[in-house]
């Protein structure tokens, strides 16, 4: 089902405090300028991971929620999954038009 193995490390709680940072909100960015981490003074945080094209492939927050995404070589979203067990599969033709849709609620559409 998955085309690549993804592994992510949960940040220490609270990350900003562990770095000696006292000003909030606290942000981190990757070398391409994508926001990878955000933390508020109340301890809420979220983390994002990106693929080489700068598209989000993983999101996680301090409430325990997460989302994972996969894309084809044209940047079309082909798979989505979240921490509640919900998932979506999609397929596209060579023109980028969606030709197939299926989700964890047993909904299937062919175009």
N, C-alpha and C. Protein backbone atom coordinates (compact mmCIF):
# COMPACT_ATOMS: atom_id res chain seq x y z
N UNK A 1 0.83 -1.19 0.00
CA UNK A 1 0.00 0.00 0.00
C UNK A 1 0.87 1.25 0.00
N UNK A 2 1.92 1.31 0.81
CA UNK A 2 2.76 2.50 0.89
C UNK A 2 3.96 2.36 -0.03
N UNK A 3 4.33 3.44 -0.66
CA UNK A 3 5.46 3.40 -1.59
C UNK A 3 6.78 3.69 -0.90
N UNK A 4 6.76 4.26 0.27
CA UNK A 4 7.98 4.51 1.01
C UNK A 4 7.73 4.40 2.49
N UNK A 5 8.77 4.05 3.22
CA UNK A 5 8.65 3.95 4.66
C UNK A 5 8.97 5.31 5.27
N UNK A 6 8.06 5.81 6.09
CA UNK A 6 8.24 7.10 6.73
C UNK A 6 8.50 6.89 8.21
N UNK A 7 9.44 7.62 8.75
CA UNK A 7 9.67 7.54 10.19
C UNK A 7 9.86 8.96 10.71
N UNK A 8 9.24 9.23 11.82
CA UNK A 8 9.28 10.56 12.39
C UNK A 8 9.52 10.47 13.89
N UNK A 9 10.20 11.44 14.42
CA UNK A 9 10.48 11.48 15.84
C UNK A 9 9.64 12.56 16.47
N UNK A 10 8.92 12.22 17.52
CA UNK A 10 8.12 13.19 18.23
C UNK A 10 9.03 14.15 18.98
N UNK A 11 8.78 15.45 18.89
CA UNK A 11 9.62 16.39 19.61
C UNK A 11 9.49 16.24 21.13
N UNK A 12 10.55 16.63 21.83
CA UNK A 12 10.47 16.64 23.28
C UNK A 12 9.40 17.64 23.70
N UNK A 13 8.77 17.41 24.83
CA UNK A 13 7.73 18.34 25.28
C UNK A 13 8.21 19.08 26.50
N UNK A 14 8.13 20.36 26.55
CA UNK A 14 7.99 21.24 25.40
C UNK A 14 9.34 21.50 24.76
N UNK A 15 9.40 21.51 23.47
CA UNK A 15 10.66 21.64 22.74
C UNK A 15 11.31 23.01 22.94
N UNK A 16 10.53 24.07 22.83
CA UNK A 16 11.10 25.41 22.95
C UNK A 16 11.78 25.58 24.30
N UNK A 17 11.13 25.14 25.36
CA UNK A 17 11.70 25.27 26.69
C UNK A 17 13.01 24.48 26.80
N UNK A 18 13.06 23.31 26.20
CA UNK A 18 14.27 22.49 26.27
C UNK A 18 15.44 23.17 25.55
N UNK A 19 15.14 24.08 24.63
CA UNK A 19 16.19 24.83 23.92
C UNK A 19 16.50 26.16 24.61
N UNK A 20 15.83 26.42 25.73
CA UNK A 20 16.05 27.68 26.45
C UNK A 20 15.31 28.85 25.85
N UNK A 21 14.33 28.58 25.03
CA UNK A 21 13.58 29.65 24.36
C UNK A 21 12.38 30.04 25.22
N UNK A 22 12.23 31.34 25.44
CA UNK A 22 11.14 31.82 26.29
C UNK A 22 10.14 32.68 25.54
N UNK A 23 10.43 33.02 24.28
CA UNK A 23 9.52 33.83 23.49
C UNK A 23 8.62 32.93 22.66
N UNK A 24 7.33 33.21 22.70
CA UNK A 24 6.36 32.40 21.95
C UNK A 24 5.54 33.29 21.05
N UNK A 25 4.99 32.80 19.99
CA UNK A 25 5.12 31.42 19.53
C UNK A 25 6.52 31.14 19.00
N UNK A 26 6.89 29.86 19.00
CA UNK A 26 8.20 29.40 18.54
C UNK A 26 8.01 28.66 17.22
N UNK A 27 8.90 28.94 16.24
CA UNK A 27 8.81 28.34 14.91
C UNK A 27 10.14 27.72 14.53
N UNK A 28 10.08 26.68 13.68
CA UNK A 28 11.27 26.14 13.03
C UNK A 28 10.95 25.93 11.55
N UNK A 29 11.97 26.10 10.71
CA UNK A 29 11.82 25.97 9.27
C UNK A 29 12.94 25.09 8.72
N UNK A 30 12.68 24.41 7.61
CA UNK A 30 13.74 23.63 6.96
C UNK A 30 14.52 24.54 6.02
N UNK A 31 15.51 23.98 5.34
CA UNK A 31 16.38 24.78 4.48
C UNK A 31 15.66 25.38 3.27
N UNK A 32 14.45 24.86 2.96
CA UNK A 32 13.66 25.40 1.83
C UNK A 32 12.63 26.43 2.28
N UNK A 33 12.60 26.73 3.58
CA UNK A 33 11.66 27.72 4.09
C UNK A 33 10.31 27.17 4.50
N UNK A 34 10.17 25.84 4.50
CA UNK A 34 8.91 25.23 4.93
C UNK A 34 8.85 25.18 6.45
N UNK A 35 7.72 25.57 7.01
CA UNK A 35 7.57 25.51 8.47
C UNK A 35 7.50 24.05 8.91
N UNK A 36 8.42 23.65 9.78
CA UNK A 36 8.48 22.26 10.22
C UNK A 36 8.00 22.08 11.65
N UNK A 37 7.97 23.15 12.44
CA UNK A 37 7.57 23.03 13.84
C UNK A 37 6.99 24.35 14.32
N UNK A 38 5.98 24.25 15.17
CA UNK A 38 5.35 25.42 15.77
C UNK A 38 4.96 25.06 17.19
N UNK A 39 5.21 25.97 18.11
CA UNK A 39 4.82 25.72 19.50
C UNK A 39 4.28 27.00 20.14
N UNK A 40 3.20 26.84 20.92
CA UNK A 40 2.62 27.96 21.65
C UNK A 40 3.07 27.89 23.11
N UNK A 41 2.88 28.96 23.84
CA UNK A 41 3.30 29.01 25.24
C UNK A 41 2.53 28.04 26.12
N UNK A 42 1.34 27.61 25.69
CA UNK A 42 0.55 26.67 26.48
C UNK A 42 0.98 25.22 26.25
N UNK A 43 2.02 25.01 25.42
CA UNK A 43 2.54 23.67 25.17
C UNK A 43 2.00 23.01 23.93
N UNK A 44 0.99 23.60 23.30
CA UNK A 44 0.49 23.02 22.05
C UNK A 44 1.56 23.17 20.98
N UNK A 45 1.78 22.12 20.20
CA UNK A 45 2.75 22.16 19.10
C UNK A 45 2.23 21.36 17.92
N UNK A 46 2.79 21.63 16.76
CA UNK A 46 2.60 20.75 15.62
C UNK A 46 3.90 20.64 14.85
N UNK A 47 4.03 19.54 14.14
CA UNK A 47 5.22 19.23 13.37
C UNK A 47 4.78 18.85 11.96
N UNK A 48 5.53 19.29 10.96
CA UNK A 48 5.26 18.94 9.57
C UNK A 48 6.54 18.38 8.93
N UNK A 49 6.36 17.39 8.06
CA UNK A 49 7.46 16.86 7.26
C UNK A 49 7.08 17.05 5.80
N UNK A 50 8.07 17.31 4.95
CA UNK A 50 7.84 17.60 3.54
C UNK A 50 8.65 16.66 2.66
N UNK A 51 8.18 16.44 1.44
CA UNK A 51 8.97 15.68 0.47
C UNK A 51 9.95 16.64 -0.23
N UNK A 52 10.70 16.14 -1.17
CA UNK A 52 11.72 16.95 -1.84
C UNK A 52 11.11 18.08 -2.68
N UNK A 53 9.81 18.02 -2.96
CA UNK A 53 9.13 19.08 -3.70
C UNK A 53 8.45 20.10 -2.80
N UNK A 54 8.63 19.96 -1.49
CA UNK A 54 8.03 20.90 -0.55
C UNK A 54 6.56 20.64 -0.27
N UNK A 55 6.09 19.44 -0.56
CA UNK A 55 4.69 19.07 -0.31
C UNK A 55 4.62 18.34 1.02
N UNK A 56 3.65 18.67 1.84
CA UNK A 56 3.51 18.05 3.16
C UNK A 56 3.22 16.55 3.01
N UNK A 57 4.02 15.73 3.71
CA UNK A 57 3.78 14.28 3.71
C UNK A 57 3.41 13.77 5.09
N UNK A 58 3.59 14.59 6.13
CA UNK A 58 3.24 14.17 7.48
C UNK A 58 2.96 15.38 8.34
N UNK A 59 1.93 15.26 9.17
CA UNK A 59 1.56 16.30 10.13
C UNK A 59 1.24 15.62 11.44
N UNK A 60 1.69 16.19 12.53
CA UNK A 60 1.40 15.63 13.85
C UNK A 60 1.27 16.79 14.83
N UNK A 61 0.39 16.65 15.84
CA UNK A 61 0.29 17.70 16.84
C UNK A 61 0.28 17.11 18.25
N UNK A 62 0.37 18.01 19.22
CA UNK A 62 0.47 17.60 20.63
C UNK A 62 -0.82 16.98 21.17
N UNK A 63 -1.91 17.08 20.42
CA UNK A 63 -3.16 16.43 20.83
C UNK A 63 -3.17 14.95 20.45
N UNK A 64 -2.11 14.48 19.78
CA UNK A 64 -2.02 13.08 19.38
C UNK A 64 -2.55 12.81 17.99
N UNK A 65 -2.98 13.82 17.28
CA UNK A 65 -3.49 13.65 15.92
C UNK A 65 -2.32 13.65 14.94
N UNK A 66 -2.45 12.87 13.89
CA UNK A 66 -1.46 12.88 12.81
C UNK A 66 -2.14 12.59 11.49
N UNK A 67 -1.49 13.00 10.42
CA UNK A 67 -1.96 12.77 9.06
C UNK A 67 -0.76 12.43 8.20
N UNK A 68 -0.93 11.49 7.28
CA UNK A 68 0.14 11.11 6.37
C UNK A 68 -0.38 11.19 4.94
N UNK A 69 0.45 11.67 4.03
CA UNK A 69 0.06 11.88 2.64
C UNK A 69 1.10 11.23 1.72
N UNK A 70 0.64 10.73 0.58
CA UNK A 70 1.53 10.27 -0.49
C UNK A 70 1.06 10.88 -1.80
N UNK A 71 2.02 11.09 -2.71
CA UNK A 71 1.74 11.76 -3.98
C UNK A 71 2.39 10.99 -5.12
N UNK A 72 1.83 11.12 -6.31
CA UNK A 72 2.46 10.53 -7.49
C UNK A 72 3.52 11.49 -8.03
N UNK A 73 4.18 11.11 -9.10
CA UNK A 73 5.27 11.93 -9.65
C UNK A 73 4.79 13.26 -10.22
N UNK A 74 3.47 13.42 -10.41
CA UNK A 74 2.90 14.69 -10.89
C UNK A 74 2.40 15.58 -9.76
N UNK A 75 2.58 15.13 -8.52
CA UNK A 75 2.14 15.92 -7.38
C UNK A 75 0.69 15.72 -6.98
N UNK A 76 0.01 14.74 -7.59
CA UNK A 76 -1.37 14.44 -7.22
C UNK A 76 -1.38 13.59 -5.95
N UNK A 77 -2.25 13.93 -5.01
CA UNK A 77 -2.35 13.15 -3.78
C UNK A 77 -2.95 11.78 -4.09
N UNK A 78 -2.21 10.72 -3.75
CA UNK A 78 -2.67 9.36 -4.04
C UNK A 78 -3.10 8.61 -2.80
N UNK A 79 -2.67 9.07 -1.63
CA UNK A 79 -3.04 8.37 -0.40
C UNK A 79 -3.06 9.35 0.76
N UNK A 80 -4.06 9.21 1.61
CA UNK A 80 -4.18 10.00 2.83
C UNK A 80 -4.58 9.05 3.94
N UNK A 81 -4.01 9.25 5.12
CA UNK A 81 -4.38 8.45 6.28
C UNK A 81 -4.26 9.33 7.51
N UNK A 82 -5.17 9.15 8.49
CA UNK A 82 -5.06 9.94 9.71
C UNK A 82 -5.11 9.06 10.95
N UNK A 83 -4.90 9.69 12.09
CA UNK A 83 -4.81 8.99 13.37
C UNK A 83 -6.13 8.37 13.80
N UNK A 84 -7.22 8.72 13.16
CA UNK A 84 -8.53 8.13 13.48
C UNK A 84 -8.79 6.87 12.67
N UNK A 85 -7.85 6.49 11.81
CA UNK A 85 -8.02 5.30 10.99
C UNK A 85 -8.67 5.56 9.65
N UNK A 86 -9.00 6.80 9.37
CA UNK A 86 -9.60 7.15 8.08
C UNK A 86 -8.51 7.19 7.02
N UNK A 87 -8.79 6.66 5.83
CA UNK A 87 -7.85 6.72 4.72
C UNK A 87 -8.58 6.92 3.40
N UNK A 88 -7.84 7.42 2.43
CA UNK A 88 -8.35 7.66 1.08
C UNK A 88 -7.27 7.25 0.09
N UNK A 89 -7.67 6.52 -0.96
CA UNK A 89 -6.78 6.18 -2.07
C UNK A 89 -7.34 6.86 -3.32
N UNK A 90 -6.45 7.41 -4.14
CA UNK A 90 -6.86 8.05 -5.39
C UNK A 90 -5.90 7.64 -6.50
N UNK A 91 -6.44 7.56 -7.72
CA UNK A 91 -5.62 7.31 -8.90
C UNK A 91 -5.98 8.35 -9.95
N UNK A 92 -5.00 8.68 -10.80
CA UNK A 92 -5.16 9.72 -11.81
C UNK A 92 -4.72 9.20 -13.16
N UNK A 93 -5.29 9.76 -14.22
CA UNK A 93 -4.82 9.43 -15.57
C UNK A 93 -3.61 10.30 -15.91
N UNK A 94 -3.08 10.14 -17.11
CA UNK A 94 -1.88 10.87 -17.51
C UNK A 94 -2.10 12.38 -17.62
N UNK A 95 -3.35 12.83 -17.58
CA UNK A 95 -3.66 14.25 -17.65
C UNK A 95 -3.92 14.87 -16.28
N UNK A 96 -3.79 14.06 -15.23
CA UNK A 96 -4.02 14.56 -13.88
C UNK A 96 -5.47 14.51 -13.44
N UNK A 97 -6.33 13.91 -14.24
CA UNK A 97 -7.75 13.80 -13.90
C UNK A 97 -7.93 12.56 -13.02
N UNK A 98 -8.64 12.74 -11.92
CA UNK A 98 -8.87 11.62 -11.01
C UNK A 98 -9.77 10.58 -11.67
N UNK A 99 -9.33 9.33 -11.63
CA UNK A 99 -10.10 8.25 -12.26
C UNK A 99 -10.56 7.20 -11.24
N UNK A 100 -10.08 7.30 -10.02
CA UNK A 100 -10.47 6.32 -9.00
C UNK A 100 -10.38 6.97 -7.63
N UNK A 101 -11.36 6.62 -6.78
CA UNK A 101 -11.40 7.12 -5.41
C UNK A 101 -11.94 6.02 -4.52
N UNK A 102 -11.29 5.79 -3.40
CA UNK A 102 -11.76 4.81 -2.42
C UNK A 102 -11.39 5.31 -1.03
N UNK A 103 -12.28 5.08 -0.06
CA UNK A 103 -11.93 5.48 1.30
C UNK A 103 -12.29 4.38 2.31
N UNK A 104 -11.91 4.61 3.55
CA UNK A 104 -12.11 3.62 4.60
C UNK A 104 -13.57 3.46 4.99
N UNK A 105 -14.44 4.33 4.51
CA UNK A 105 -15.88 4.21 4.74
C UNK A 105 -16.55 3.37 3.66
N UNK A 106 -15.76 2.65 2.89
CA UNK A 106 -16.22 1.75 1.81
C UNK A 106 -16.84 2.49 0.63
N UNK A 107 -16.51 3.74 0.46
CA UNK A 107 -16.97 4.48 -0.70
C UNK A 107 -15.98 4.28 -1.82
N UNK A 108 -16.46 3.89 -2.98
CA UNK A 108 -15.62 3.67 -4.15
C UNK A 108 -16.25 4.39 -5.34
N UNK A 109 -15.44 5.16 -6.05
CA UNK A 109 -15.90 5.86 -7.24
C UNK A 109 -14.91 5.63 -8.35
N UNK A 110 -15.41 5.31 -9.52
CA UNK A 110 -14.59 5.19 -10.74
C UNK A 110 -15.11 6.20 -11.74
N UNK A 111 -14.23 6.89 -12.40
CA UNK A 111 -14.64 7.96 -13.33
C UNK A 111 -14.33 7.58 -14.76
